[in-house]
Protein backbone atom coordinates (compact mmCIF):
# COMPACT_ATOMS: atom_id res chain seq x y z
CA MET A 1 22.13 186.78 93.76
CA LEU A 2 18.64 185.38 93.00
CA SER A 3 17.97 181.77 93.69
CA ASN A 4 16.80 179.55 90.81
CA ARG A 5 13.17 179.51 92.28
CA THR A 6 13.13 183.27 92.77
CA PHE A 7 14.30 183.86 89.22
CA LEU A 8 11.73 181.50 87.90
CA LEU A 9 8.99 183.27 89.82
CA VAL A 10 10.09 186.66 88.57
CA THR A 11 10.26 185.55 84.95
CA THR A 12 6.91 183.75 85.19
CA ALA A 13 5.34 186.85 86.83
CA LEU A 14 6.38 188.88 83.75
CA ALA A 15 3.62 187.17 81.83
CA PRO A 16 0.55 188.23 83.91
CA ALA A 17 2.10 191.70 84.40
CA ILE A 18 2.27 192.11 80.61
CA TRP A 19 -1.21 190.78 80.24
CA GLY A 20 -2.43 193.51 82.51
CA THR A 21 -1.69 195.88 79.65
CA THR A 22 -4.08 194.15 77.29
CA TYR A 23 -7.19 196.05 78.33
CA LEU A 24 -5.65 199.45 77.95
CA THR A 25 -4.09 198.53 74.67
CA THR A 26 -7.45 197.28 73.41
CA THR A 27 -9.42 200.35 74.39
CA MET A 28 -6.74 202.85 73.15
CA LEU A 29 -5.26 201.35 70.01
CA LEU A 30 -7.54 198.67 68.51
CA PRO A 31 -10.59 199.14 66.28
CA GLU A 32 -13.97 199.05 67.97
CA ASP A 33 -16.30 196.05 68.07
CA ARG A 34 -13.87 193.50 66.58
CA PRO A 35 -12.90 191.20 69.58
CA LEU A 36 -12.46 188.12 67.42
CA LEU A 37 -10.28 189.93 64.97
CA ALA A 38 -8.19 191.19 67.89
CA ALA A 39 -7.92 187.72 69.37
CA THR A 40 -6.96 186.14 65.99
CA LEU A 41 -4.36 188.75 65.20
CA ARG A 42 -2.91 188.31 68.69
CA ALA A 43 -2.59 184.50 68.63
CA LEU A 44 -1.93 183.33 65.06
CA PRO A 45 0.97 185.62 64.04
CA ALA A 46 2.62 184.83 67.43
CA GLY A 47 2.27 181.15 66.78
CA ILE A 48 3.66 181.40 63.30
CA LEU A 49 6.61 183.38 64.58
CA LEU A 50 7.42 180.85 67.35
CA LEU A 51 6.96 177.92 64.85
CA MET A 52 9.47 179.48 62.51
CA LEU A 53 11.94 179.65 65.41
CA CYS A 54 11.49 176.11 66.72
CA ARG A 55 10.75 174.34 63.40
CA SER A 56 9.10 171.38 65.09
CA LEU A 57 5.68 169.93 64.72
CA PRO A 58 3.67 167.74 67.23
CA ARG A 59 3.94 163.99 67.18
CA GLY A 60 1.44 161.34 68.08
CA ALA A 61 -1.11 162.29 70.79
CA TRP A 62 0.31 165.76 70.95
CA TRP A 63 -1.64 166.74 67.80
CA TRP A 64 -4.93 166.48 69.65
CA LYS A 65 -3.51 167.45 73.06
CA SER A 66 -2.12 170.68 71.48
CA TRP A 67 -5.50 171.38 69.97
CA VAL A 68 -7.27 170.95 73.34
CA LEU A 69 -4.78 173.10 75.15
CA GLY A 70 -4.82 175.63 72.34
CA ILE A 71 -8.56 176.05 72.70
CA LEU A 72 -8.53 176.33 76.46
CA ASN A 73 -5.42 178.51 76.89
CA ILE A 74 -5.63 180.49 73.69
CA GLY A 75 -8.81 180.17 71.50
CA ALA A 76 -11.60 180.31 73.98
CA PHE A 77 -9.61 182.44 76.48
CA PHE A 78 -8.61 185.09 73.92
CA ALA A 79 -12.12 185.35 72.46
CA LEU A 80 -13.77 185.79 75.87
CA LEU A 81 -10.89 188.04 77.03
CA PHE A 82 -11.41 190.55 74.22
CA ILE A 83 -15.25 190.46 74.45
CA ALA A 84 -14.75 191.40 78.16
CA ALA A 85 -12.16 193.98 77.31
CA TYR A 86 -14.58 195.67 74.79
CA ARG A 87 -17.52 195.62 77.06
CA LEU A 88 -15.97 196.36 80.41
CA PRO A 89 -13.98 199.52 81.50
CA GLY A 90 -10.35 199.73 82.41
CA GLY A 91 -9.15 197.15 84.89
CA VAL A 92 -12.59 195.76 85.70
CA ALA A 93 -12.41 192.99 83.13
CA ALA A 94 -8.98 191.88 84.34
CA ILE A 95 -9.91 191.69 88.01
CA MET A 96 -12.72 189.25 87.29
CA GLY A 97 -9.92 186.67 87.24
CA GLY A 98 -9.48 187.12 90.95
CA ILE A 99 -11.33 183.92 91.65
CA GLN A 100 -8.97 181.88 89.39
CA PRO A 101 -6.41 180.93 92.10
CA LEU A 102 -9.05 179.24 94.15
CA ILE A 103 -10.50 177.38 91.08
CA ILE A 104 -7.01 176.22 90.05
CA ALA A 105 -6.03 175.25 93.65
CA LEU A 106 -9.12 173.10 93.83
CA LEU A 107 -8.70 171.57 90.40
CA ALA A 108 -5.01 170.90 91.06
CA SER A 109 -5.80 169.07 94.36
CA ARG A 110 -8.19 166.78 92.47
CA VAL A 111 -6.43 166.32 89.15
CA LEU A 112 -2.82 166.76 90.07
CA HIS A 113 -3.00 165.73 93.69
CA GLU A 114 -1.27 168.96 94.78
CA ARG A 115 -1.65 169.67 98.50
CA LEU A 116 -4.53 172.04 99.17
CA THR A 117 -3.47 173.75 102.44
CA GLY A 118 -5.41 176.10 104.55
CA ARG A 119 -2.83 178.74 103.90
CA VAL A 120 -3.40 178.52 100.18
CA VAL A 121 -7.19 178.65 100.53
CA ALA A 122 -6.90 181.59 102.90
CA ALA A 123 -4.55 183.39 100.50
CA GLY A 124 -7.03 182.72 97.64
CA ALA A 125 -9.92 184.06 99.61
CA THR A 126 -7.92 187.07 100.73
CA GLY A 127 -6.85 187.81 97.18
CA LEU A 128 -10.40 187.56 96.02
CA PHE A 129 -11.51 189.94 98.76
CA GLY A 130 -8.85 192.44 97.65
CA VAL A 131 -10.04 192.13 94.05
CA CYS A 132 -13.64 192.79 95.23
CA LEU A 133 -12.50 195.95 96.99
CA ILE A 134 -11.11 197.23 93.68
CA VAL A 135 -14.26 196.22 91.70
CA LEU A 136 -16.77 197.64 94.18
CA GLN A 137 -15.02 200.95 94.16
CA ALA A 138 -14.90 201.21 90.30
CA GLN A 139 -17.17 203.94 89.11
CA ALA A 140 -18.31 202.23 85.97
CA ARG A 141 -21.24 200.29 84.59
CA LEU A 142 -20.73 196.62 84.73
CA ASP A 143 -22.02 195.03 81.53
CA ALA A 144 -23.56 191.53 82.09
CA VAL A 145 -22.22 190.02 78.86
CA GLY A 146 -18.75 191.42 79.58
CA LEU A 147 -18.84 189.94 83.10
CA MET A 148 -19.92 186.53 81.83
CA ALA A 149 -17.19 186.63 79.19
CA ALA A 150 -14.61 187.47 81.84
CA ILE A 151 -15.73 184.63 84.04
CA GLY A 152 -15.77 182.25 81.12
CA GLY A 153 -12.27 183.22 80.24
CA THR A 154 -11.12 182.66 83.80
CA LEU A 155 -12.66 179.10 83.77
CA SER A 156 -11.17 178.29 80.39
CA MET A 157 -7.64 179.39 81.43
CA ALA A 158 -7.90 177.67 84.80
CA SER A 159 -8.72 174.32 83.06
CA GLY A 160 -5.88 174.93 80.57
CA ILE A 161 -3.28 175.53 83.24
CA VAL A 162 -4.20 172.31 85.13
CA LEU A 163 -4.25 170.20 81.91
CA THR A 164 -0.94 171.69 80.81
CA LYS A 165 0.56 170.68 84.11
CA LYS A 166 -0.98 167.26 84.01
CA TRP A 167 0.10 166.39 80.47
CA GLY A 168 3.56 168.00 80.75
CA GLN A 169 5.50 169.42 77.91
CA PRO A 170 7.28 166.98 75.49
CA GLU A 171 9.39 169.80 73.89
CA SER A 172 10.67 173.17 75.07
CA PRO A 173 8.25 175.82 76.24
CA LEU A 174 8.86 177.78 73.06
CA THR A 175 7.89 174.74 70.93
CA THR A 176 4.72 173.74 72.93
CA THR A 177 3.67 177.38 73.02
CA ALA A 178 3.92 177.57 69.23
CA TRP A 179 1.66 174.46 68.91
CA GLN A 180 -0.98 175.93 71.17
CA LEU A 181 -0.92 179.40 69.57
CA ILE A 182 -1.29 177.85 66.11
CA ALA A 183 -4.19 175.56 67.20
CA GLY A 184 -5.92 178.35 69.06
CA GLY A 185 -5.19 180.96 66.37
CA LEU A 186 -6.65 178.80 63.58
CA SER A 187 -9.74 178.13 65.69
CA LEU A 188 -10.14 181.87 66.23
CA LEU A 189 -9.68 182.61 62.49
CA ILE A 190 -12.54 180.29 61.60
CA LEU A 191 -14.72 181.77 64.31
CA MET A 192 -13.91 185.32 63.29
CA LEU A 193 -14.67 184.70 59.57
CA VAL A 194 -17.99 183.17 60.52
CA ILE A 195 -19.21 185.61 63.07
CA GLU A 196 -17.46 188.95 62.33
CA GLY A 197 -16.35 188.53 58.72
CA PRO A 198 -13.05 189.67 57.35
CA PRO A 199 -11.82 193.20 58.00
CA VAL A 200 -13.55 195.80 55.81
CA ALA A 201 -11.57 198.88 56.77
CA PRO A 202 -7.75 199.16 56.47
CA LEU A 203 -5.84 199.11 59.81
CA THR A 204 -4.53 202.45 61.02
CA PRO A 205 -1.00 202.91 62.36
CA PRO A 206 -2.24 202.75 65.97
CA ASN A 207 -4.13 199.52 65.14
CA ILE A 208 -0.93 197.94 63.74
CA ILE A 209 1.13 199.06 66.78
CA GLY A 210 -1.50 197.60 69.15
CA TYR A 211 -1.74 194.31 67.31
CA THR A 212 2.02 193.97 67.02
CA TYR A 213 2.56 194.64 70.71
CA LEU A 214 -0.15 192.15 71.80
CA SER A 215 1.15 189.46 69.39
CA VAL A 216 4.93 189.73 69.91
CA ILE A 217 5.20 190.90 73.53
CA GLY A 218 1.87 190.08 75.03
CA THR A 219 1.60 186.62 73.50
CA ALA A 220 4.80 185.14 71.99
CA PHE A 221 7.08 186.34 74.74
CA ALA A 222 4.65 186.27 77.68
CA TYR A 223 3.28 182.78 76.89
CA VAL A 224 6.72 181.22 76.63
CA MET A 225 7.53 182.60 80.06
CA TRP A 226 4.16 181.44 81.39
CA PHE A 227 4.36 177.87 80.13
CA ARG A 228 7.99 177.58 81.27
CA GLY A 229 6.72 178.55 84.77
CA ILE A 230 3.83 176.07 84.63
CA ALA A 231 6.25 173.23 83.77
CA ARG A 232 8.39 173.96 86.81
CA LEU A 233 6.12 175.44 89.46
CA ALA A 234 2.99 174.14 91.20
CA ALA A 235 -0.18 175.01 89.33
CA SER A 236 -1.54 176.96 92.35
CA THR A 237 1.70 179.07 92.41
CA THR A 238 1.29 180.21 88.84
CA ALA A 239 -2.31 180.87 89.48
CA PHE A 240 -1.55 183.33 92.20
CA LEU A 241 1.00 185.06 90.10
CA GLY A 242 -1.85 185.66 87.65
CA LEU A 243 -3.39 188.12 90.11
CA LEU A 244 -0.62 190.63 89.04
CA SER A 245 -2.53 191.11 85.85
CA PRO A 246 -5.49 193.02 87.50
CA VAL A 247 -3.15 194.99 89.68
CA VAL A 248 -1.20 196.23 86.61
CA ALA A 249 -4.44 196.83 84.73
CA ILE A 250 -5.98 198.99 87.41
CA LEU A 251 -2.77 200.94 87.96
CA LEU A 252 -2.39 201.59 84.20
CA GLY A 253 -6.02 202.70 84.15
CA TRP A 254 -5.22 205.20 86.83
CA ILE A 255 -1.82 206.42 85.45
CA ILE A 256 -2.52 206.55 81.75
CA ALA A 257 -6.32 206.58 81.30
CA GLY A 258 -7.02 208.98 84.19
CA GLU A 259 -9.40 206.60 86.01
CA ASP A 260 -10.08 207.24 89.63
CA LEU A 261 -8.09 205.27 92.27
CA VAL A 262 -9.71 205.69 95.66
CA PRO A 263 -8.22 204.54 99.03
CA MET A 264 -10.32 201.34 99.17
CA GLN A 265 -8.82 200.31 95.78
CA ILE A 266 -5.36 200.92 97.02
CA ALA A 267 -6.16 198.74 99.97
CA GLY A 268 -7.41 196.10 97.62
CA ILE A 269 -4.17 196.19 95.65
CA VAL A 270 -2.08 195.84 98.89
CA ILE A 271 -4.29 192.88 99.97
CA VAL A 272 -3.88 191.19 96.59
CA LEU A 273 -0.12 191.55 96.63
CA GLY A 274 -0.08 190.19 100.20
CA SER A 275 -2.08 187.16 99.12
CA ILE A 276 0.42 186.51 96.38
CA CYS A 277 3.34 186.63 98.75
CA ALA A 278 1.53 184.36 101.24
CA ALA A 279 0.75 181.78 98.59
CA ILE A 280 4.14 181.58 96.85
CA THR A 281 5.96 181.23 100.30
CA SER A 282 3.64 178.60 101.62
CA ARG A 283 5.14 175.18 102.37
CA ALA A 284 3.36 173.51 99.45
CA ALA A 285 4.55 176.18 97.06
CA THR A 286 8.17 176.08 98.19
CA ALA A 287 8.14 172.37 97.54
CA ASP A 288 8.07 173.12 93.77
CA VAL A 289 10.52 170.88 91.93
CA LEU A 290 12.64 172.47 89.14
CA ARG A 291 12.93 170.01 86.30
């Protein structure tokens, strides 16, 4: 029988595993050159759905806190994520997040006073090395704008995770997720209308399937699991679980999109998985307190 912590790790890990499907979904099902439309239709309907379920609005300081977190975790992150997905091939965009565990571990040690152990740093460096093995073997052109967007998205989400942990959650994960998705989705809607303009062509059935999957499964469900994990696990622990996203992305690119997967990339995947295991079994990680 799974322990409470193991069950929490597994359910939290579902989120980055699902996010690893974003890139393939974007390239196969969504219309071309509309990253802000994709980001908006992923976030705002999911937020409305969750708000209808929880029927609770922020109070006091949580109006502006939800907006800040909504920008970092949703608005800016989604916009940069889809720009990267449109400009980078397969799993390359996802694996740019390989440096995120190190960034979050450092921020958490300064802001949250979480213990920054040598094992965590070593695991982060090892995970980044594994990610680099995958990237360096990818036979694809690396677009500069796409890479910058991927890095920017990583920094935005890292900051959002640490602030989410610092400020806590005054309501259930479903409720606080709804607030952030609404705030981030409305920001994306304004940005989309100003930069891209409203959609001019009707959505096709594949477009609708793609947007529905990303909004309901990839956002509403996945983010509730993710913020639930953030509330109960150390910030660095959730950060390392995020490395599952590039692993899933590269494997799906190989299985479904027919992309090459060479031995060095396989070694990189094994190294990344090993770094995750090392990080979540470290003394600092196992000191997570379930609230």
